[in-house]
Amino acid sequence: MEPTTKKAYALAGVDIHVADTVKKRIAQQARTTFGRNVIGSEFFGSMFRLRGYREPVLVSSTDGVGTKLRIASLLGKNDTVGRDIVNHCVNDILCCGAEPLFFLDYIAMGKLVPEQVEAIVSGIVQACRETGCSLVGGETAEMPGIYSQGNYDLVGFIVGVVEKKGILDGSSIAPDDVILGLPSSGLHTNGYSLARKVFGIDANPSCLNKSYPELGKTLGEELLRVHLCYYPQLKPVLPLAKGIAHITGGGFVGNIPRILPEGLVAHVRKDSWDILPIFRLIQREGDIKEEEMYQVFNMGIGMAIVCSPQRVAKIVSVLPQAKVIGEINKGKDKGVIIG
């Protein structure tokens, strides 16, 4: 009965043998990220030993790459989105002051394509190595009838740790504090549905190969720029920060208020940094109002750091790429003013 069952399942769209082969290859890559605290990952759950902390607080987050995956699929370049998902998740827990411990991924597609999956995982592994994060497990799912050919989904789950006394929650942010911005590499992993519509990518994928003088590369190359990881840069200055906001979906308007106490407003001065060319291009091609641009995209600022005026010089000495982009003022309701 076993051969018949396997054949029937394959005819239904799921090839167990291909899945097993892919998972074994993934496991081999994942082991290269294991640190000394990984106990095992071949059981029904992965085990990680937590030690060396006085009052450890675990910080977790999960996120996806969104429709940037469509660009990767169309161009047949899937390693960069693997790096994207790790970096995005690391940045999110970094906003709490946490260092990454371990990571799990979820990859789903209609029919497993081993080369595609391995490319995705190679990016995940590279990013995990760069941040000292262990890839301890995940799920690779073949789901015919759910995902159309060529499309897939990628989701990441991360766990990090921070000493209780080192938690960054923004509660100490006060009027006259300064907002520093760290540059982004481009769209990172947000706003791709709008970008796809503006350029007509779904209807005309060949437009991804068009070169734009202001970009200095093709549209596809620009849109696949890797989401920067800010952990190595920010780790040394975390004790100097009062709050950190990852500028992702929702732009400045949706993210900076998350770290503000009630009654405070962040005044972001849009002329304090150079807007990346890709955002000017999107705004022009899509005839998009500036207000909406700042609600959707990071506009060239990937992280916002709030600190006291006395600590600006010290932070900038460690992070020379940081720019003063605004300040904190009193307000009726917490929010963001861009002007």
Protein backbone atom coordinates (compact mmCIF):
# COMPACT_ATOMS: atom_id res chain seq x y z
CA MET A 1 0.00 0.00 0.00
CA GLU A 2 2.90 2.41 0.67
CA PRO A 3 3.99 2.88 -2.98
CA THR A 4 0.37 3.48 -4.02
CA THR A 5 -0.11 6.03 -1.24
CA LYS A 6 3.03 7.93 -2.23
CA LYS A 7 1.99 7.98 -5.85
CA ALA A 8 -1.51 9.20 -5.01
CA TYR A 9 -0.13 12.00 -2.86
CA ALA A 10 2.28 13.02 -5.62
CA LEU A 11 -0.60 13.08 -8.09
CA ALA A 12 -2.43 15.35 -5.64
CA GLY A 13 0.47 17.79 -5.93
CA VAL A 14 2.68 16.93 -2.98
CA ASP A 15 5.93 15.02 -3.47
CA ILE A 16 7.12 13.75 -0.10
CA HIS A 17 10.50 12.65 -1.46
CA VAL A 18 11.29 16.12 -2.83
CA ALA A 19 10.17 17.70 0.44
CA ASP A 20 12.38 15.39 2.51
CA THR A 21 15.38 16.13 0.31
CA VAL A 22 14.85 19.87 0.58
CA LYS A 23 14.44 19.73 4.34
CA LYS A 24 17.67 17.75 4.75
CA ARG A 25 19.56 20.35 2.73
CA ILE A 26 18.03 23.15 4.79
CA ALA A 27 19.05 21.38 8.01
CA GLN A 28 22.64 21.18 6.79
CA GLN A 29 22.73 24.92 6.15
CA ALA A 30 20.98 25.74 9.42
CA ARG A 31 23.54 23.84 11.50
CA THR A 32 26.22 26.29 10.37
CA THR A 33 24.44 29.00 12.39
CA PHE A 34 24.25 27.06 15.68
CA GLY A 35 25.86 28.65 18.68
CA ARG A 36 26.82 26.85 21.87
CA ASN A 37 23.37 27.37 23.39
CA VAL A 38 21.51 25.32 20.78
CA ILE A 39 20.76 21.93 22.33
CA GLY A 40 18.83 20.32 19.50
CA SER A 41 16.63 21.05 16.51
CA GLU A 42 15.75 17.60 15.20
CA PHE A 43 12.91 16.90 17.61
CA PHE A 44 9.31 18.15 17.40
CA GLY A 45 10.55 21.38 18.90
CA SER A 46 13.91 23.16 18.97
CA MET A 47 15.71 23.67 22.27
CA PHE A 48 17.85 26.64 23.25
CA ARG A 49 19.65 27.10 26.55
CA LEU A 50 19.42 30.57 28.09
CA ARG A 51 22.29 31.48 30.37
CA GLY A 52 24.48 34.38 31.39
CA TYR A 53 21.70 36.85 32.31
CA ARG A 54 20.57 38.23 35.66
CA GLU A 55 16.98 39.16 34.84
CA PRO A 56 16.44 38.00 31.27
CA VAL A 57 13.34 39.14 29.40
CA LEU A 58 12.54 37.30 26.19
CA VAL A 59 11.47 39.43 23.25
CA SER A 60 9.75 37.83 20.25
CA SER A 61 8.50 39.05 16.90
CA THR A 62 7.17 37.64 13.66
CA ASP A 63 6.89 39.25 10.24
CA GLY A 64 6.89 38.64 6.52
CA VAL A 65 8.59 40.11 3.47
CA GLY A 66 5.28 41.09 1.88
CA THR A 67 4.88 41.49 -1.86
CA LYS A 68 8.59 42.09 -2.34
CA LEU A 69 8.50 38.33 -2.85
CA ARG A 70 6.76 38.93 -6.16
CA ILE A 71 9.75 40.93 -7.41
CA ALA A 72 12.16 38.22 -6.27
CA SER A 73 10.10 35.53 -7.98
CA LEU A 74 9.82 37.44 -11.26
CA LEU A 75 13.56 38.06 -11.36
CA GLY A 76 14.48 34.57 -10.21
CA LYS A 77 16.65 35.97 -7.42
CA ASN A 78 15.49 34.66 -4.07
CA ASP A 79 18.48 34.89 -1.70
CA THR A 80 18.02 38.57 -0.87
CA VAL A 81 14.54 38.10 0.59
CA GLY A 82 16.00 35.52 2.97
CA ARG A 83 18.32 38.19 4.30
CA ASP A 84 15.42 40.66 4.36
CA ILE A 85 13.26 38.61 6.68
CA VAL A 86 16.01 38.01 9.24
CA ASN A 87 17.16 41.63 9.24
CA HIS A 88 13.60 42.91 9.54
CA CYS A 89 12.89 40.71 12.56
CA VAL A 90 16.23 41.52 14.22
CA ASN A 91 15.52 45.24 13.85
CA ASP A 92 12.07 44.87 15.41
CA ILE A 93 13.31 43.29 18.65
CA LEU A 94 16.28 45.66 18.65
CA CYS A 95 13.78 48.46 19.29
CA CYS A 96 13.24 46.88 22.73
CA GLY A 97 16.98 46.70 23.32
CA ALA A 98 17.13 42.95 22.66
CA GLU A 99 19.91 40.91 21.11
CA PRO A 100 18.82 38.07 18.79
CA LEU A 101 19.02 34.49 20.03
CA PHE A 102 17.32 32.23 17.52
CA PHE A 103 15.21 32.35 14.38
CA LEU A 104 12.64 30.12 12.65
CA ASP A 105 11.32 30.43 9.11
CA TYR A 106 8.15 29.47 7.24
CA ILE A 107 8.35 28.91 3.48
CA ALA A 108 5.24 27.88 1.53
CA MET A 109 4.65 27.41 -2.19
CA GLY A 110 2.37 25.52 -4.52
CA LYS A 111 5.09 23.14 -5.67
CA LEU A 112 8.47 22.87 -4.02
CA VAL A 113 11.31 24.01 -6.24
CA PRO A 114 14.49 22.85 -4.44
CA GLU A 115 16.75 25.47 -6.03
CA GLN A 116 14.37 28.26 -5.07
CA VAL A 117 14.02 27.07 -1.48
CA GLU A 118 17.78 26.64 -1.10
CA ALA A 119 18.37 30.17 -2.39
CA ILE A 120 15.91 31.58 0.14
CA VAL A 121 17.50 29.62 2.99
CA SER A 122 21.02 30.61 1.93
CA GLY A 123 20.01 34.23 2.47
CA ILE A 124 18.48 33.43 5.85
CA VAL A 125 21.61 31.57 6.91
CA GLN A 126 23.89 34.41 5.79
CA ALA A 127 21.91 36.98 7.77
CA CYS A 128 21.76 34.74 10.84
CA ARG A 129 25.52 34.31 10.78
CA GLU A 130 26.05 38.06 10.47
CA THR A 131 23.92 38.74 13.56
CA GLY A 132 24.98 35.75 15.65
CA CYS A 133 21.46 34.33 15.51
CA SER A 134 20.84 30.57 15.31
CA LEU A 135 18.43 29.20 12.70
CA VAL A 136 16.95 26.45 14.87
CA GLY A 137 13.94 25.33 12.85
CA GLY A 138 11.05 26.19 10.59
CA GLU A 139 8.51 24.81 8.16
CA THR A 140 8.70 24.20 4.42
CA ALA A 141 5.19 23.57 3.08
CA GLU A 142 4.02 22.40 -0.31
CA MET A 143 0.46 23.66 -0.75
CA PRO A 144 -1.01 23.05 -4.20
CA GLY A 145 -4.19 25.01 -4.84
CA ILE A 146 -3.22 27.71 -2.35
CA TYR A 147 -0.23 29.28 -4.07
CA SER A 148 -0.07 29.75 -7.84
CA GLN A 149 2.97 28.65 -9.78
CA GLY A 150 5.99 30.88 -9.20
CA ASN A 151 4.60 32.50 -6.06
CA TYR A 152 5.54 31.69 -2.48
CA ASP A 153 5.31 33.07 1.03
CA LEU A 154 8.11 33.69 3.51
CA VAL A 155 7.63 34.46 7.19
CA GLY A 156 10.13 34.72 10.01
CA PHE A 157 9.88 34.30 13.77
CA ILE A 158 12.60 35.53 16.12
CA VAL A 159 13.34 35.36 19.84
CA GLY A 160 15.82 37.64 21.54
CA VAL A 161 16.72 38.63 25.08
CA VAL A 162 17.31 41.81 27.03
CA GLU A 163 18.17 42.41 30.67
CA LYS A 164 15.11 43.83 32.41
CA LYS A 165 16.99 47.01 33.36
CA GLY A 166 18.03 47.48 29.74
CA ILE A 167 14.56 47.40 28.18
CA LEU A 168 13.88 50.31 25.82
CA ASP A 169 10.22 51.27 26.05
CA GLY A 170 10.30 55.02 25.37
CA SER A 171 8.85 55.85 28.79
CA SER A 172 11.66 58.30 29.59
CA ILE A 173 11.28 60.30 26.37
CA ALA A 174 10.66 63.98 27.18
CA PRO A 175 10.19 67.34 25.43
CA ASP A 176 13.34 68.69 23.74
CA ASP A 177 14.76 65.20 23.20
CA VAL A 178 16.40 64.74 19.83
CA ILE A 179 15.47 62.34 17.02
CA LEU A 180 18.37 60.80 15.11
CA GLY A 181 17.86 58.93 11.86
CA LEU A 182 19.88 56.09 10.35
CA PRO A 183 19.74 55.77 6.55
CA SER A 184 17.85 52.96 4.83
CA SER A 185 18.97 51.18 1.67
CA GLY A 186 15.64 51.74 -0.09
CA LEU A 187 12.12 50.39 0.38
CA HIS A 188 13.39 47.66 2.71
CA THR A 189 10.32 45.39 2.92
CA ASN A 190 7.41 47.82 2.84
CA GLY A 191 5.31 49.61 0.25
CA TYR A 192 5.83 47.06 -2.51
CA SER A 193 2.15 46.72 -3.39
CA LEU A 194 2.06 50.42 -4.17
CA ALA A 195 5.38 50.30 -6.02
CA ARG A 196 4.19 47.36 -8.14
CA LYS A 197 1.06 49.29 -9.08
CA VAL A 198 2.93 52.50 -9.89
CA PHE A 199 5.30 50.78 -12.31
CA GLY A 200 2.76 48.26 -13.64
CA ILE A 201 5.02 45.38 -12.71
CA ASP A 202 2.36 42.66 -12.62
CA ALA A 203 1.10 43.52 -16.09
CA ASN A 204 4.55 44.14 -17.54
CA PRO A 205 7.30 42.32 -15.58
CA SER A 206 9.90 43.33 -18.18
CA CYS A 207 9.83 46.86 -16.72
CA LEU A 208 12.01 45.49 -13.92
CA ASN A 209 14.87 45.39 -16.41
CA LYS A 210 14.53 49.09 -17.26
CA SER A 211 17.42 51.27 -16.14
CA TYR A 212 16.80 54.69 -14.61
CA PRO A 213 19.63 57.27 -14.61
CA GLU A 214 18.72 58.52 -11.13
CA LEU A 215 18.95 54.98 -9.75
CA GLY A 216 22.13 53.98 -11.52
CA LYS A 217 20.74 50.47 -11.92
CA THR A 218 17.66 48.64 -13.12
CA LEU A 219 14.35 49.00 -11.34
CA GLY A 220 14.48 45.34 -10.33
CA GLU A 221 17.94 45.67 -8.79
CA GLU A 222 16.80 48.72 -6.84
CA LEU A 223 13.66 47.05 -5.53
CA LEU A 224 15.63 44.01 -4.34
CA ARG A 225 18.08 46.03 -2.26
CA VAL A 226 18.46 44.20 1.05
CA HIS A 227 16.70 45.48 4.15
CA LEU A 228 19.54 46.76 6.34
CA CYS A 229 20.20 45.23 9.74
CA TYR A 230 20.96 47.88 12.36
CA TYR A 231 21.92 45.60 15.24
CA PRO A 232 25.73 45.73 14.78
CA GLN A 233 25.64 49.52 14.50
CA LEU A 234 23.25 50.23 17.35
CA LYS A 235 24.40 47.68 19.90
CA PRO A 236 27.18 49.90 21.33
CA VAL A 237 24.86 52.90 21.80
CA LEU A 238 21.76 51.19 23.18
CA PRO A 239 22.44 52.48 26.74
CA LEU A 240 22.41 56.04 25.34
CA ALA A 241 19.01 55.76 23.66
CA LYS A 242 15.61 56.43 25.23
CA GLY A 243 13.62 54.84 22.43
CA ILE A 244 14.10 53.34 18.97
CA ALA A 245 11.53 53.07 16.17
CA HIS A 246 11.94 50.79 13.16
CA ILE A 247 10.47 52.70 10.20
CA THR A 248 8.56 49.93 8.42
CA GLY A 249 4.94 49.61 7.27
CA GLY A 250 3.12 52.83 8.12
CA GLY A 251 6.23 54.95 7.64
CA PHE A 252 6.99 57.68 10.16
CA VAL A 253 3.35 58.27 11.03
CA GLY A 254 2.68 54.65 11.95
CA ASN A 255 5.87 53.81 13.83
CA ILE A 256 7.36 56.69 15.81
CA PRO A 257 4.20 57.15 17.97
CA ARG A 258 4.61 53.56 19.19
CA ILE A 259 7.50 54.64 21.43
CA LEU A 260 6.12 58.02 22.58
CA PRO A 261 4.51 58.65 25.97
CA GLU A 262 1.12 60.37 25.91
CA GLY A 263 1.20 64.12 25.37
CA LEU A 264 4.33 64.13 23.19
CA VAL A 265 4.70 64.80 19.49
CA ALA A 266 7.64 63.99 17.25
CA HIS A 267 8.49 66.80 14.85
CA VAL A 268 10.33 65.24 11.89
CA ARG A 269 12.09 67.74 9.63
CA LYS A 270 11.93 66.29 6.12
CA ASP A 271 14.67 68.58 4.79
CA SER A 272 17.23 67.18 7.25
CA TRP A 273 18.28 64.22 5.06
CA ASP A 274 18.50 63.38 1.39
CA ILE A 275 15.44 61.51 0.10
CA LEU A 276 16.57 58.45 -1.83
CA PRO A 277 15.98 58.64 -5.61
CA ILE A 278 13.67 55.60 -5.65
CA PHE A 279 11.13 57.46 -3.53
CA ARG A 280 11.23 60.54 -5.77
CA LEU A 281 10.72 58.23 -8.74
CA ILE A 282 7.74 56.44 -7.18
CA GLN A 283 6.13 59.74 -6.19
CA ARG A 284 6.57 61.18 -9.67
CA GLU A 285 5.50 58.09 -11.62
CA GLY A 286 2.49 57.46 -9.39
CA ASP A 287 1.51 61.10 -8.84
CA ILE A 288 1.38 60.39 -5.13
CA LYS A 289 0.90 63.12 -2.56
CA GLU A 290 3.87 63.75 -0.31
CA GLU A 291 1.78 63.18 2.81
CA GLU A 292 0.97 59.64 1.71
CA MET A 293 4.60 58.92 0.84
CA TYR A 294 5.58 59.48 4.48
CA GLN A 295 2.73 57.22 5.61
CA VAL A 296 3.78 54.32 3.37
CA PHE A 297 7.55 54.46 2.90
CA ASN A 298 10.62 55.04 5.08
CA MET A 299 11.79 57.77 2.64
CA GLY A 300 15.45 56.93 3.32
CA ILE A 301 15.38 56.62 7.13
CA GLY A 302 15.33 53.04 8.42
CA MET A 303 15.66 53.66 12.15
CA ALA A 304 14.76 56.60 14.38
CA ILE A 305 16.61 56.97 17.68
CA VAL A 306 15.37 59.27 20.44
CA CYS A 307 17.91 60.49 22.98
CA SER A 308 18.61 63.47 25.23
CA PRO A 309 20.38 66.47 23.63
CA GLN A 310 23.44 65.80 25.80
CA ARG A 311 23.96 62.37 24.22
CA VAL A 312 23.70 63.33 20.56
CA ALA A 313 27.43 63.99 20.12
CA LYS A 314 28.39 60.66 21.68
CA ILE A 315 25.97 58.67 19.52
CA VAL A 316 27.03 60.46 16.34
CA SER A 317 30.69 59.81 17.17
CA VAL A 318 29.90 56.09 17.16
CA LEU A 319 27.39 56.33 14.30
CA PRO A 320 28.69 59.05 11.94
CA GLN A 321 25.98 58.17 9.43
CA ALA A 322 23.29 59.25 11.91
CA LYS A 323 21.60 62.59 11.25
CA VAL A 324 19.51 64.81 13.49
CA ILE A 325 16.09 64.65 11.84
CA GLY A 326 13.83 66.20 14.45
CA GLU A 327 12.88 66.71 18.07
CA ILE A 328 10.22 65.88 20.63
CA ASN A 329 7.65 68.50 21.64
CA LYS A 330 4.65 68.67 23.91
CA GLY A 331 1.31 67.97 22.26
CA LYS A 332 -2.29 67.17 23.00
CA ASP A 333 -2.11 63.64 21.57
CA LYS A 334 1.00 61.66 20.75
CA GLY A 335 1.82 61.69 17.06
CA VAL A 336 4.12 62.89 14.32
CA ILE A 337 4.38 66.21 12.53
CA ILE A 338 6.34 66.15 9.29
CA GLY A 339 7.41 69.48 7.96
